[in-house]
Amino acid sequence: SHDLFLATVESVAVEEALLDEADSLRLDRAGLAAYSHGSYMELGR
């Protein structure tokens, strides 16, 4: 039913506001969403 596309990562752009004092990416501050059985969910604690 699906075709799988394998790909190399060529470049990544990240939002500067999500970088901490050590320039580490804090995606826990972004409110990322996940999908499960037809529902969208916000990642929690």
PDB file of all heavy atoms in Angstrom:
ATOM      1  N   SER A   1       0.822  -1.211   0.000  1.00  0.00           N
ATOM      2  CA  SER A   1       0.000   0.000   0.000  1.00  0.00           C
ATOM      3  C   SER A   1       0.856   1.260   0.000  1.00  0.00           C
ATOM      4  O   SER A   1       0.436   2.310  -0.488  1.00  0.00           O
ATOM      5  CB  SER A   1      -0.917   0.009   1.221  1.00  0.00           C
ATOM      6  OG  SER A   1      -0.154   0.021   2.419  1.00  0.00           O
ATOM      7  N   HIS A   2       2.066   1.179   0.558  1.00  0.00           N
ATOM      8  CA  HIS A   2       2.966   2.322   0.672  1.00  0.00           C
ATOM      9  C   HIS A   2       4.312   2.029   0.009  1.00  0.00           C
ATOM     10  O   HIS A   2       4.728   0.874  -0.076  1.00  0.00           O
ATOM     11  CB  HIS A   2       3.221   2.678   2.135  1.00  0.00           C
ATOM     12  CG  HIS A   2       2.041   3.255   2.844  1.00  0.00           C
ATOM     13  ND1 HIS A   2       0.890   2.534   3.096  1.00  0.00           N
ATOM     14  CD2 HIS A   2       1.830   4.495   3.368  1.00  0.00           C
ATOM     15  CE1 HIS A   2       0.033   3.301   3.755  1.00  0.00           C
ATOM     16  NE2 HIS A   2       0.572   4.476   3.929  1.00  0.00           N
ATOM     17  N   ASP A   3       4.947   3.107  -0.426  1.00  0.00           N
ATOM     18  CA  ASP A   3       6.348   3.054  -0.835  1.00  0.00           C
ATOM     19  C   ASP A   3       7.189   3.687   0.265  1.00  0.00           C
ATOM     20  O   ASP A   3       6.821   4.733   0.815  1.00  0.00           O
ATOM     21  CB  ASP A   3       6.579   3.800  -2.147  1.00  0.00           C
ATOM     22  CG  ASP A   3       6.187   2.971  -3.359  1.00  0.00           C
ATOM     23  OD1 ASP A   3       5.727   1.826  -3.182  1.00  0.00           O
ATOM     24  OD2 ASP A   3       6.326   3.471  -4.493  1.00  0.00           O
ATOM     25  N   LEU A   4       8.295   3.045   0.580  1.00  0.00           N
ATOM     26  CA  LEU A   4       9.215   3.572   1.593  1.00  0.00           C
ATOM     27  C   LEU A   4      10.336   4.328   0.892  1.00  0.00           C
ATOM     28  O   LEU A   4      11.011   3.789   0.015  1.00  0.00           O
ATOM     29  CB  LEU A   4       9.793   2.430   2.419  1.00  0.00           C
ATOM     30  CG  LEU A   4      10.822   2.818   3.484  1.00  0.00           C
ATOM     31  CD1 LEU A   4      10.117   3.445   4.674  1.00  0.00           C
ATOM     32  CD2 LEU A   4      11.623   1.598   3.937  1.00  0.00           C
ATOM     33  N   PHE A   5      10.518   5.585   1.277  1.00  0.00           N
ATOM     34  CA  PHE A   5      11.613   6.393   0.751  1.00  0.00           C
ATOM     35  C   PHE A   5      12.705   6.488   1.815  1.00  0.00           C
ATOM     36  O   PHE A   5      12.486   7.069   2.882  1.00  0.00           O
ATOM     37  CB  PHE A   5      11.134   7.797   0.378  1.00  0.00           C
ATOM     38  CG  PHE A   5      10.202   7.833  -0.803  1.00  0.00           C
ATOM     39  CD1 PHE A   5       8.830   7.897  -0.619  1.00  0.00           C
ATOM     40  CD2 PHE A   5      10.700   7.809  -2.105  1.00  0.00           C
ATOM     41  CE1 PHE A   5       7.961   7.935  -1.700  1.00  0.00           C
ATOM     42  CE2 PHE A   5       9.840   7.848  -3.192  1.00  0.00           C
ATOM     43  CZ  PHE A   5       8.468   7.904  -2.994  1.00  0.00           C
ATOM     44  N   LEU A   6      13.855   5.892   1.536  1.00  0.00           N
ATOM     45  CA  LEU A   6      15.024   6.037   2.401  1.00  0.00           C
ATOM     46  C   LEU A   6      15.791   7.274   1.955  1.00  0.00           C
ATOM     47  O   LEU A   6      15.968   7.497   0.752  1.00  0.00           O
ATOM     48  CB  LEU A   6      15.923   4.812   2.309  1.00  0.00           C
ATOM     49  CG  LEU A   6      15.443   3.540   2.997  1.00  0.00           C
ATOM     50  CD1 LEU A   6      16.346   2.372   2.620  1.00  0.00           C
ATOM     51  CD2 LEU A   6      15.425   3.726   4.500  1.00  0.00           C
ATOM     52  N   ALA A   7      16.259   8.060   2.907  1.00  0.00           N
ATOM     53  CA  ALA A   7      16.916   9.312   2.534  1.00  0.00           C
ATOM     54  C   ALA A   7      18.016   9.677   3.516  1.00  0.00           C
ATOM     55  O   ALA A   7      17.939   9.367   4.706  1.00  0.00           O
ATOM     56  CB  ALA A   7      15.892  10.439   2.466  1.00  0.00           C
ATOM     57  N   THR A   8      19.039  10.339   3.002  1.00  0.00           N
ATOM     58  CA  THR A   8      20.091  10.891   3.859  1.00  0.00           C
ATOM     59  C   THR A   8      19.684  12.278   4.313  1.00  0.00           C
ATOM     60  O   THR A   8      19.014  13.021   3.575  1.00  0.00           O
ATOM     61  CB  THR A   8      21.431  10.978   3.114  1.00  0.00           C
ATOM     62  OG1 THR A   8      21.250  11.746   1.916  1.00  0.00           O
ATOM     63  CG2 THR A   8      21.943   9.598   2.754  1.00  0.00           C
ATOM     64  N   VAL A   9      20.078  12.635   5.516  1.00  0.00           N
ATOM     65  CA  VAL A   9      19.827  13.978   6.030  1.00  0.00           C
ATOM     66  C   VAL A   9      20.940  14.891   5.539  1.00  0.00           C
ATOM     67  O   VAL A   9      22.113  14.670   5.850  1.00  0.00           O
ATOM     68  CB  VAL A   9      19.760  13.979   7.569  1.00  0.00           C
ATOM     69  CG1 VAL A   9      19.602  15.402   8.091  1.00  0.00           C
ATOM     70  CG2 VAL A   9      18.617  13.097   8.052  1.00  0.00           C
ATOM     71  N   GLU A  10      20.580  15.901   4.774  1.00  0.00           N
ATOM     72  CA  GLU A  10      21.560  16.803   4.178  1.00  0.00           C
ATOM     73  C   GLU A  10      21.813  18.050   5.015  1.00  0.00           C
ATOM     74  O   GLU A  10      22.909  18.609   5.017  1.00  0.00           O
ATOM     75  CB  GLU A  10      21.093  17.214   2.774  1.00  0.00           C
ATOM     76  CG  GLU A  10      20.893  16.049   1.817  1.00  0.00           C
ATOM     77  CD  GLU A  10      22.185  15.319   1.526  1.00  0.00           C
ATOM     78  OE1 GLU A  10      23.221  15.990   1.372  1.00  0.00           O
ATOM     79  OE2 GLU A  10      22.173  14.071   1.452  1.00  0.00           O
ATOM     80  N   SER A  11      20.792  18.504   5.732  1.00  0.00           N
ATOM     81  CA  SER A  11      20.934  19.705   6.553  1.00  0.00           C
ATOM     82  C   SER A  11      19.766  19.773   7.528  1.00  0.00           C
ATOM     83  O   SER A  11      18.696  19.211   7.264  1.00  0.00           O
ATOM     84  CB  SER A  11      20.959  20.970   5.675  1.00  0.00           C
ATOM     85  OG  SER A  11      21.144  22.131   6.459  1.00  0.00           O
ATOM     86  N   VAL A  12      19.974  20.433   8.662  1.00  0.00           N
ATOM     87  CA  VAL A  12      18.922  20.595   9.671  1.00  0.00           C
ATOM     88  C   VAL A  12      18.888  22.047  10.129  1.00  0.00           C
ATOM     89  O   VAL A  12      19.932  22.632  10.454  1.00  0.00           O
ATOM     90  CB  VAL A  12      19.163  19.675  10.890  1.00  0.00           C
ATOM     91  CG1 VAL A  12      18.069  19.881  11.927  1.00  0.00           C
ATOM     92  CG2 VAL A  12      19.237  18.210  10.467  1.00  0.00           C
ATOM     93  N   ALA A  13      17.696  22.634  10.144  1.00  0.00           N
ATOM     94  CA  ALA A  13      17.514  23.988  10.661  1.00  0.00           C
ATOM     95  C   ALA A  13      16.697  23.903  11.940  1.00  0.00           C
ATOM     96  O   ALA A  13      15.664  23.229  11.972  1.00  0.00           O
ATOM     97  CB  ALA A  13      16.812  24.870   9.634  1.00  0.00           C
ATOM     98  N   VAL A  14      17.159  24.554  13.012  1.00  0.00           N
ATOM     99  CA  VAL A  14      16.459  24.509  14.296  1.00  0.00           C
ATOM    100  C   VAL A  14      16.133  25.921  14.769  1.00  0.00           C
ATOM    101  O   VAL A  14      16.867  26.872  14.499  1.00  0.00           O
ATOM    102  CB  VAL A  14      17.299  23.781  15.368  1.00  0.00           C
ATOM    103  CG1 VAL A  14      17.581  22.352  14.947  1.00  0.00           C
ATOM    104  CG2 VAL A  14      18.603  24.519  15.639  1.00  0.00           C
ATOM    105  N   GLU A  15      15.051  26.040  15.483  1.00  0.00           N
ATOM    106  CA  GLU A  15      14.611  27.329  16.022  1.00  0.00           C
ATOM    107  C   GLU A  15      15.530  27.751  17.163  1.00  0.00           C
ATOM    108  O   GLU A  15      15.689  27.024  18.154  1.00  0.00           O
ATOM    109  CB  GLU A  15      13.168  27.206  16.508  1.00  0.00           C
ATOM    110  CG  GLU A  15      12.553  28.500  16.980  1.00  0.00           C
ATOM    111  CD  GLU A  15      11.105  28.310  17.411  1.00  0.00           C
ATOM    112  OE1 GLU A  15      10.449  27.386  16.897  1.00  0.00           O
ATOM    113  OE2 GLU A  15      10.647  29.094  18.264  1.00  0.00           O
ATOM    114  N   GLU A  16      16.117  28.924  17.059  1.00  0.00           N
ATOM    115  CA  GLU A  16      17.092  29.377  18.048  1.00  0.00           C
ATOM    116  C   GLU A  16      16.489  29.517  19.443  1.00  0.00           C
ATOM    117  O   GLU A  16      17.173  29.346  20.443  1.00  0.00           O
ATOM    118  CB  GLU A  16      17.708  30.705  17.607  1.00  0.00           C
ATOM    119  CG  GLU A  16      18.622  30.583  16.396  1.00  0.00           C
ATOM    120  CD  GLU A  16      19.313  31.893  16.062  1.00  0.00           C
ATOM    121  OE1 GLU A  16      18.984  32.917  16.696  1.00  0.00           O
ATOM    122  OE2 GLU A  16      20.179  31.879  15.173  1.00  0.00           O
ATOM    123  N   ALA A  17      15.195  29.818  19.514  1.00  0.00           N
ATOM    124  CA  ALA A  17      14.552  30.008  20.815  1.00  0.00           C
ATOM    125  C   ALA A  17      14.531  28.721  21.637  1.00  0.00           C
ATOM    126  O   ALA A  17      14.335  28.766  22.858  1.00  0.00           O
ATOM    127  CB  ALA A  17      13.125  30.523  20.626  1.00  0.00           C
ATOM    128  N   LEU A  18      14.741  27.580  20.995  1.00  0.00           N
ATOM    129  CA  LEU A  18      14.731  26.299  21.698  1.00  0.00           C
ATOM    130  C   LEU A  18      16.127  25.853  22.140  1.00  0.00           C
ATOM    131  O   LEU A  18      16.284  24.764  22.660  1.00  0.00           O
ATOM    132  CB  LEU A  18      14.114  25.221  20.803  1.00  0.00           C
ATOM    133  CG  LEU A  18      12.635  25.415  20.466  1.00  0.00           C
ATOM    134  CD1 LEU A  18      12.170  24.332  19.520  1.00  0.00           C
ATOM    135  CD2 LEU A  18      11.790  25.418  21.731  1.00  0.00           C
ATOM    136  N   LEU A  19      17.123  26.698  21.934  1.00  0.00           N
ATOM    137  CA  LEU A  19      18.479  26.386  22.383  1.00  0.00           C
ATOM    138  C   LEU A  19      18.698  26.928  23.791  1.00  0.00           C
ATOM    139  O   LEU A  19      18.316  28.064  24.098  1.00  0.00           O
ATOM    140  CB  LEU A  19      19.513  26.997  21.428  1.00  0.00           C
ATOM    141  CG  LEU A  19      19.446  26.540  19.966  1.00  0.00           C
ATOM    142  CD1 LEU A  19      20.494  27.262  19.143  1.00  0.00           C
ATOM    143  CD2 LEU A  19      19.628  25.033  19.859  1.00  0.00           C
ATOM    144  N   ASP A  20      19.313  26.124  24.652  1.00  0.00           N
ATOM    145  CA  ASP A  20      19.599  26.596  26.006  1.00  0.00           C
ATOM    146  C   ASP A  20      20.950  27.292  26.049  1.00  0.00           C
ATOM    147  O   ASP A  20      21.569  27.555  25.009  1.00  0.00           O
ATOM    148  CB  ASP A  20      19.526  25.443  27.013  1.00  0.00           C
ATOM    149  CG  ASP A  20      20.559  24.350  26.741  1.00  0.00           C
ATOM    150  OD1 ASP A  20      21.526  24.598  25.983  1.00  0.00           O
ATOM    151  OD2 ASP A  20      20.406  23.250  27.295  1.00  0.00           O
ATOM    152  N   GLU A  21      21.428  27.581  27.263  1.00  0.00           N
ATOM    153  CA  GLU A  21      22.672  28.336  27.428  1.00  0.00           C
ATOM    154  C   GLU A  21      23.876  27.603  26.850  1.00  0.00           C
ATOM    155  O   GLU A  21      24.874  28.219  26.465  1.00  0.00           O
ATOM    156  CB  GLU A  21      22.911  28.630  28.912  1.00  0.00           C
ATOM    157  CG  GLU A  21      21.875  29.526  29.563  1.00  0.00           C
ATOM    158  CD  GLU A  21      20.566  28.794  29.865  1.00  0.00           C
ATOM    159  OE1 GLU A  21      20.534  27.546  29.749  1.00  0.00           O
ATOM    160  OE2 GLU A  21      19.580  29.478  30.193  1.00  0.00           O
ATOM    161  N   ALA A  22      23.787  26.275  26.788  1.00  0.00           N
ATOM    162  CA  ALA A  22      24.888  25.474  26.240  1.00  0.00           C
ATOM    163  C   ALA A  22      24.681  25.163  24.764  1.00  0.00           C
ATOM    164  O   ALA A  22      25.392  24.322  24.199  1.00  0.00           O
ATOM    165  CB  ALA A  22      25.031  24.176  27.029  1.00  0.00           C
ATOM    166  N   ASP A  23      23.712  25.839  24.139  1.00  0.00           N
ATOM    167  CA  ASP A  23      23.372  25.611  22.727  1.00  0.00           C
ATOM    168  C   ASP A  23      22.877  24.202  22.463  1.00  0.00           C
ATOM    169  O   ASP A  23      23.003  23.686  21.350  1.00  0.00           O
ATOM    170  CB  ASP A  23      24.569  25.928  21.804  1.00  0.00           C
ATOM    171  CG  ASP A  23      24.717  27.425  21.565  1.00  0.00           C
ATOM    172  OD1 ASP A  23      23.722  28.161  21.752  1.00  0.00           O
ATOM    173  OD2 ASP A  23      25.818  27.859  21.189  1.00  0.00           O
ATOM    174  N   SER A  24      22.311  23.563  23.484  1.00  0.00           N
ATOM    175  CA  SER A  24      21.685  22.256  23.311  1.00  0.00           C
ATOM    176  C   SER A  24      20.217  22.459  22.948  1.00  0.00           C
ATOM    177  O   SER A  24      19.555  23.359  23.471  1.00  0.00           O
ATOM    178  CB  SER A  24      21.775  21.432  24.592  1.00  0.00           C
ATOM    179  OG  SER A  24      23.132  21.147  24.907  1.00  0.00           O
ATOM    180  N   LEU A  25      19.720  21.630  22.048  1.00  0.00           N
ATOM    181  CA  LEU A  25      18.339  21.760  21.600  1.00  0.00           C
ATOM    182  C   LEU A  25      17.398  21.188  22.650  1.00  0.00           C
ATOM    183  O   LEU A  25      17.504  20.033  23.043  1.00  0.00           O
ATOM    184  CB  LEU A  25      18.156  21.025  20.270  1.00  0.00           C
ATOM    185  CG  LEU A  25      16.767  21.104  19.627  1.00  0.00           C
ATOM    186  CD1 LEU A  25      16.385  22.541  19.337  1.00  0.00           C
ATOM    187  CD2 LEU A  25      16.740  20.280  18.348  1.00  0.00           C
ATOM    188  N   ARG A  26      16.441  21.997  23.096  1.00  0.00           N
ATOM    189  CA  ARG A  26      15.460  21.597  24.103  1.00  0.00           C
ATOM    190  C   ARG A  26      14.098  21.421  23.445  1.00  0.00           C
ATOM    191  O   ARG A  26      13.226  22.276  23.543  1.00  0.00           O
ATOM    192  CB  ARG A  26      15.410  22.647  25.211  1.00  0.00           C
ATOM    193  CG  ARG A  26      16.683  22.768  26.028  1.00  0.00           C
ATOM    194  CD  ARG A  26      16.927  21.516  26.858  1.00  0.00           C
ATOM    195  NE  ARG A  26      15.796  21.205  27.719  1.00  0.00           N
ATOM    196  CZ  ARG A  26      15.620  21.755  28.922  1.00  0.00           C
ATOM    197  NH1 ARG A  26      16.507  22.630  29.399  1.00  0.00           N
ATOM    198  NH2 ARG A  26      14.571  21.432  29.646  1.00  0.00           N
ATOM    199  N   LEU A  27      13.932  20.301  22.763  1.00  0.00           N
ATOM    200  CA  LEU A  27      12.665  20.044  22.082  1.00  0.00           C
ATOM    201  C   LEU A  27      11.522  19.812  23.058  1.00  0.00           C
ATOM    202  O   LEU A  27      10.352  19.870  22.671  1.00  0.00           O
ATOM    203  CB  LEU A  27      12.807  18.840  21.152  1.00  0.00           C
ATOM    204  CG  LEU A  27      13.420  19.139  19.777  1.00  0.00           C
ATOM    205  CD1 LEU A  27      13.572  17.849  18.976  1.00  0.00           C
ATOM    206  CD2 LEU A  27      12.570  20.139  19.007  1.00  0.00           C
ATOM    207  N   ASP A  28      11.851  19.551  24.336  1.00  0.00           N
ATOM    208  CA  ASP A  28      10.798  19.387  25.325  1.00  0.00           C
ATOM    209  C   ASP A  28      10.027  20.685  25.544  1.00  0.00           C
ATOM    210  O   ASP A  28       8.915  20.690  26.080  1.00  0.00           O
ATOM    211  CB  ASP A  28      11.394  18.906  26.661  1.00  0.00           C
ATOM    212  CG  ASP A  28      12.491  19.821  27.167  1.00  0.00           C
ATOM    213  OD1 ASP A  28      13.438  20.100  26.404  1.00  0.00           O
ATOM    214  OD2 ASP A  28      12.418  20.257  28.331  1.00  0.00           O
ATOM    215  N   ARG A  29      10.600  21.795  25.115  1.00  0.00           N
ATOM    216  CA  ARG A  29       9.936  23.094  25.240  1.00  0.00           C
ATOM    217  C   ARG A  29       9.052  23.425  24.041  1.00  0.00           C
ATOM    218  O   ARG A  29       8.357  24.433  24.038  1.00  0.00           O
ATOM    219  CB  ARG A  29      10.984  24.194  25.400  1.00  0.00           C
ATOM    220  CG  ARG A  29      11.899  24.051  26.618  1.00  0.00           C
ATOM    221  CD  ARG A  29      13.004  25.083  26.586  1.00  0.00           C
ATOM    222  NE  ARG A  29      13.894  24.985  27.737  1.00  0.00           N
ATOM    223  CZ  ARG A  29      15.009  25.703  27.883  1.00  0.00           C
ATOM    224  NH1 ARG A  29      15.363  26.559  26.932  1.00  0.00           N
ATOM    225  NH2 ARG A  29      15.757  25.554  28.953  1.00  0.00           N
ATOM    226  N   ALA A  30       9.099  22.578  23.018  1.00  0.00           N
ATOM    227  CA  ALA A  30       8.422  22.909  21.767  1.00  0.00           C
ATOM    228  C   ALA A  30       6.960  22.477  21.730  1.00  0.00           C
ATOM    229  O   ALA A  30       6.193  22.964  20.903  1.00  0.00           O
ATOM    230  CB  ALA A  30       9.169  22.271  20.593  1.00  0.00           C
ATOM    231  N   GLY A  31       6.552  21.575  22.618  1.00  0.00           N
ATOM    232  CA  GLY A  31       5.187  21.078  22.580  1.00  0.00           C
ATOM    233  C   GLY A  31       4.934  20.199  21.368  1.00  0.00           C
ATOM    234  O   GLY A  31       3.941  20.371  20.660  1.00  0.00           O
ATOM    235  N   LEU A  32       5.842  19.262  21.131  1.00  0.00           N
ATOM    236  CA  LEU A  32       5.729  18.394  19.966  1.00  0.00           C
ATOM    237  C   LEU A  32       4.473  17.519  20.035  1.00  0.00           C
ATOM    238  O   LEU A  32       4.011  17.148  21.122  1.00  0.00           O
ATOM    239  CB  LEU A  32       6.958  17.497  19.854  1.00  0.00           C
ATOM    240  CG  LEU A  32       8.274  18.202  19.518  1.00  0.00           C
ATOM    241  CD1 LEU A  32       9.410  17.197  19.506  1.00  0.00           C
ATOM    242  CD2 LEU A  32       8.182  18.907  18.170  1.00  0.00           C
ATOM    243  N   ALA A  33       3.952  17.189  18.857  1.00  0.00           N
ATOM    244  CA  ALA A  33       2.740  16.379  18.774  1.00  0.00           C
ATOM    245  C   ALA A  33       3.068  14.969  18.309  1.00  0.00           C
ATOM    246  O   ALA A  33       4.031  14.744  17.571  1.00  0.00           O
ATOM    247  CB  ALA A  33       1.742  17.028  17.828  1.00  0.00           C
ATOM    248  N   ALA A  34       2.253  14.026  18.735  1.00  0.00           N
ATOM    249  CA  ALA A  34       2.347  12.631  18.298  1.00  0.00           C
ATOM    250  C   ALA A  34       0.970  12.196  17.803  1.00  0.00           C
ATOM    251  O   ALA A  34      -0.026  12.889  17.995  1.00  0.00           O
ATOM    252  CB  ALA A  34       2.817  11.740  19.446  1.00  0.00           C
ATOM    253  N   TYR A  35       0.946  11.029  17.156  1.00  0.00           N
ATOM    254  CA  TYR A  35      -0.291  10.513  16.578  1.00  0.00           C
ATOM    255  C   TYR A  35      -0.515   9.090  17.058  1.00  0.00           C
ATOM    256  O   TYR A  35       0.422   8.287  17.081  1.00  0.00           O
ATOM    257  CB  TYR A  35      -0.189  10.544  15.058  1.00  0.00           C
ATOM    258  CG  TYR A  35      -1.420  10.069  14.316  1.00  0.00           C
ATOM    259  CD1 TYR A  35      -2.506  10.915  14.109  1.00  0.00           C
ATOM    260  CD2 TYR A  35      -1.481   8.778  13.802  1.00  0.00           C
ATOM    261  CE1 TYR A  35      -3.628  10.480  13.417  1.00  0.00           C
ATOM    262  CE2 TYR A  35      -2.603   8.333  13.113  1.00  0.00           C
ATOM    263  CZ  TYR A  35      -3.669   9.197  12.916  1.00  0.00           C
ATOM    264  OH  TYR A  35      -4.773   8.764  12.234  1.00  0.00           O
ATOM    265  N   SER A  36      -1.752   8.775  17.471  1.00  0.00           N
ATOM    266  CA  SER A  36      -2.042   7.428  17.948  1.00  0.00           C
ATOM    267  C   SER A  36      -3.495   7.070  17.672  1.00  0.00           C
ATOM    268  O   SER A  36      -4.404   7.731  18.181  1.00  0.00           O
ATOM    269  CB  SER A  36      -1.763   7.320  19.458  1.00  0.00           C
ATOM    270  OG  SER A  36      -2.007   6.013  19.920  1.00  0.00           O
ATOM    271  N   HIS A  37      -3.688   6.079  16.822  1.00  0.00           N
ATOM    272  CA  HIS A  37      -5.026   5.551  16.541  1.00  0.00           C
ATOM    273  C   HIS A  37      -6.033   6.643  16.176  1.00  0.00           C
ATOM    274  O   HIS A  37      -7.138   6.701  16.714  1.00  0.00           O
ATOM    275  CB  HIS A  37      -5.543   4.746  17.740  1.00  0.00           C
ATOM    276  CG  HIS A  37      -4.714   3.544  18.059  1.00  0.00           C
ATOM    277  ND1 HIS A  37      -4.801   2.362  17.346  1.00  0.00           N
ATOM    278  CD2 HIS A  37      -3.763   3.349  19.002  1.00  0.00           C
ATOM    279  CE1 HIS A  37      -3.950   1.488  17.859  1.00  0.00           C
ATOM    280  NE2 HIS A  37      -3.305   2.055  18.850  1.00  0.00           N
ATOM    281  N   GLY A  38      -5.633   7.535  15.295  1.00  0.00           N
ATOM    282  CA  GLY A  38      -6.551   8.553  14.809  1.00  0.00           C
ATOM    283  C   GLY A  38      -6.609   9.821  15.635  1.00  0.00           C
ATOM    284  O   GLY A  38      -7.390  10.729  15.320  1.00  0.00           O
ATOM    285  N   SER A  39      -5.803   9.924  16.678  1.00  0.00           N
ATOM    286  CA  SER A  39      -5.823  11.105  17.546  1.00  0.00           C
ATOM    287  C   SER A  39      -4.452  11.758  17.608  1.00  0.00           C
ATOM    288  O   SER A  39      -3.427  11.076  17.599  1.00  0.00           O
ATOM    289  CB  SER A  39      -6.270  10.716  18.965  1.00  0.00           C
ATOM    290  OG  SER A  39      -7.585  10.209  18.961  1.00  0.00           O
ATOM    291  N   TYR A  40      -4.468  13.084  17.696  1.00  0.00           N
ATOM    292  CA  TYR A  40      -3.235  13.840  17.891  1.00  0.00           C
ATOM    293  C   TYR A  40      -3.048  14.091  19.377  1.00  0.00           C
ATOM    294  O   TYR A  40      -3.992  14.433  20.086  1.00  0.00           O
ATOM    295  CB  TYR A  40      -3.294  15.179  17.152  1.00  0.00           C
ATOM    296  CG  TYR A  40      -3.551  15.057  15.668  1.00  0.00           C
ATOM    297  CD1 TYR A  40      -4.840  15.201  15.151  1.00  0.00           C
ATOM    298  CD2 TYR A  40      -2.511  14.786  14.783  1.00  0.00           C
ATOM    299  CE1 TYR A  40      -5.080  15.084  13.788  1.00  0.00           C
ATOM    300  CE2 TYR A  40      -2.739  14.664  13.419  1.00  0.00           C
ATOM    301  CZ  TYR A  40      -4.035  14.821  12.929  1.00  0.00           C
ATOM    302  OH  TYR A  40      -4.273  14.696  11.576  1.00  0.00           O
ATOM    303  N   MET A  41      -1.817  13.952  19.842  1.00  0.00           N
ATOM    304  CA  MET A  41      -1.525  14.130  21.259  1.00  0.00           C
ATOM    305  C   MET A  41      -0.283  14.983  21.437  1.00  0.00           C
ATOM    306  O   MET A  41       0.650  14.903  20.642  1.00  0.00           O
ATOM    307  CB  MET A  41      -1.297  12.772  21.934  1.00  0.00           C
ATOM    308  CG  MET A  41      -2.434  11.796  21.778  1.00  0.00           C
ATOM    309  SD  MET A  41      -2.017  10.195  22.523  1.00  0.00           S
ATOM    310  CE  MET A  41      -3.518   9.271  22.153  1.00  0.00           C
ATOM    311  N   GLU A  42      -0.277  15.766  22.498  1.00  0.00           N
ATOM    312  CA  GLU A  42       0.919  16.538  22.833  1.00  0.00           C
ATOM    313  C   GLU A  42       1.799  15.706  23.750  1.00  0.00           C
ATOM    314  O   GLU A  42       1.306  15.082  24.702  1.00  0.00           O
ATOM    315  CB  GLU A  42       0.553  17.847  23.525  1.00  0.00           C
ATOM    316  CG  GLU A  42       1.774  18.717  23.832  1.00  0.00           C
ATOM    317  CD  GLU A  42       1.400  20.053  24.448  1.00  0.00           C
ATOM    318  OE1 GLU A  42       0.217  20.227  24.787  1.00  0.00           O
ATOM    319  OE2 GLU A  42       2.280  20.915  24.584  1.00  0.00           O
ATOM    320  N   LEU A  43       3.091  15.678  23.464  1.00  0.00           N
ATOM    321  CA  LEU A  43       4.007  14.927  24.320  1.00  0.00           C
ATOM    322  C   LEU A  43       4.060  15.561  25.704  1.00  0.00           C
ATOM    323  O   LEU A  43       4.084  16.782  25.846  1.00  0.00           O
ATOM    324  CB  LEU A  43       5.404  14.898  23.688  1.00  0.00           C
ATOM    325  CG  LEU A  43       5.490  14.164  22.349  1.00  0.00           C
ATOM    326  CD1 LEU A  43       6.918  14.168  21.835  1.00  0.00           C
ATOM    327  CD2 LEU A  43       4.990  12.732  22.476  1.00  0.00           C
ATOM    328  N   GLY A  44       4.079  14.719  26.731  1.00  0.00           N
ATOM    329  CA  GLY A  44       3.961  15.219  28.093  1.00  0.00           C
ATOM    330  C   GLY A  44       5.247  15.223  28.884  1.00  0.00           C
ATOM    331  O   GLY A  44       6.319  15.529  28.367  1.00  0.00           O
ATOM    332  N   ARG A  45       5.130  14.814  30.144  1.00  0.00           N
ATOM    333  CA  ARG A  45       6.233  14.956  31.093  1.00  0.00           C
ATOM    334  C   ARG A  45       7.389  14.007  30.788  1.00  0.00           C
ATOM    335  O   ARG A  45       7.201  12.940  30.209  1.00  0.00           O
ATOM    336  CB  ARG A  45       5.732  14.713  32.514  1.00  0.00           C
ATOM    337  CG  ARG A  45       5.193  13.322  32.755  1.00  0.00           C
ATOM    338  CD  ARG A  45       4.466  13.252  34.102  1.00  0.00           C
ATOM    339  NE  ARG A  45       3.925  11.917  34.350  1.00  0.00           N
ATOM    340  CZ  ARG A  45       4.550  10.973  35.006  1.00  0.00           C
ATOM    341  NH1 ARG A  45       5.779  11.185  35.472  1.00  0.00           N
ATOM    342  NH2 ARG A  45       3.995   9.800  35.204  1.00  0.00           N
TER     343      ARG A  45
END
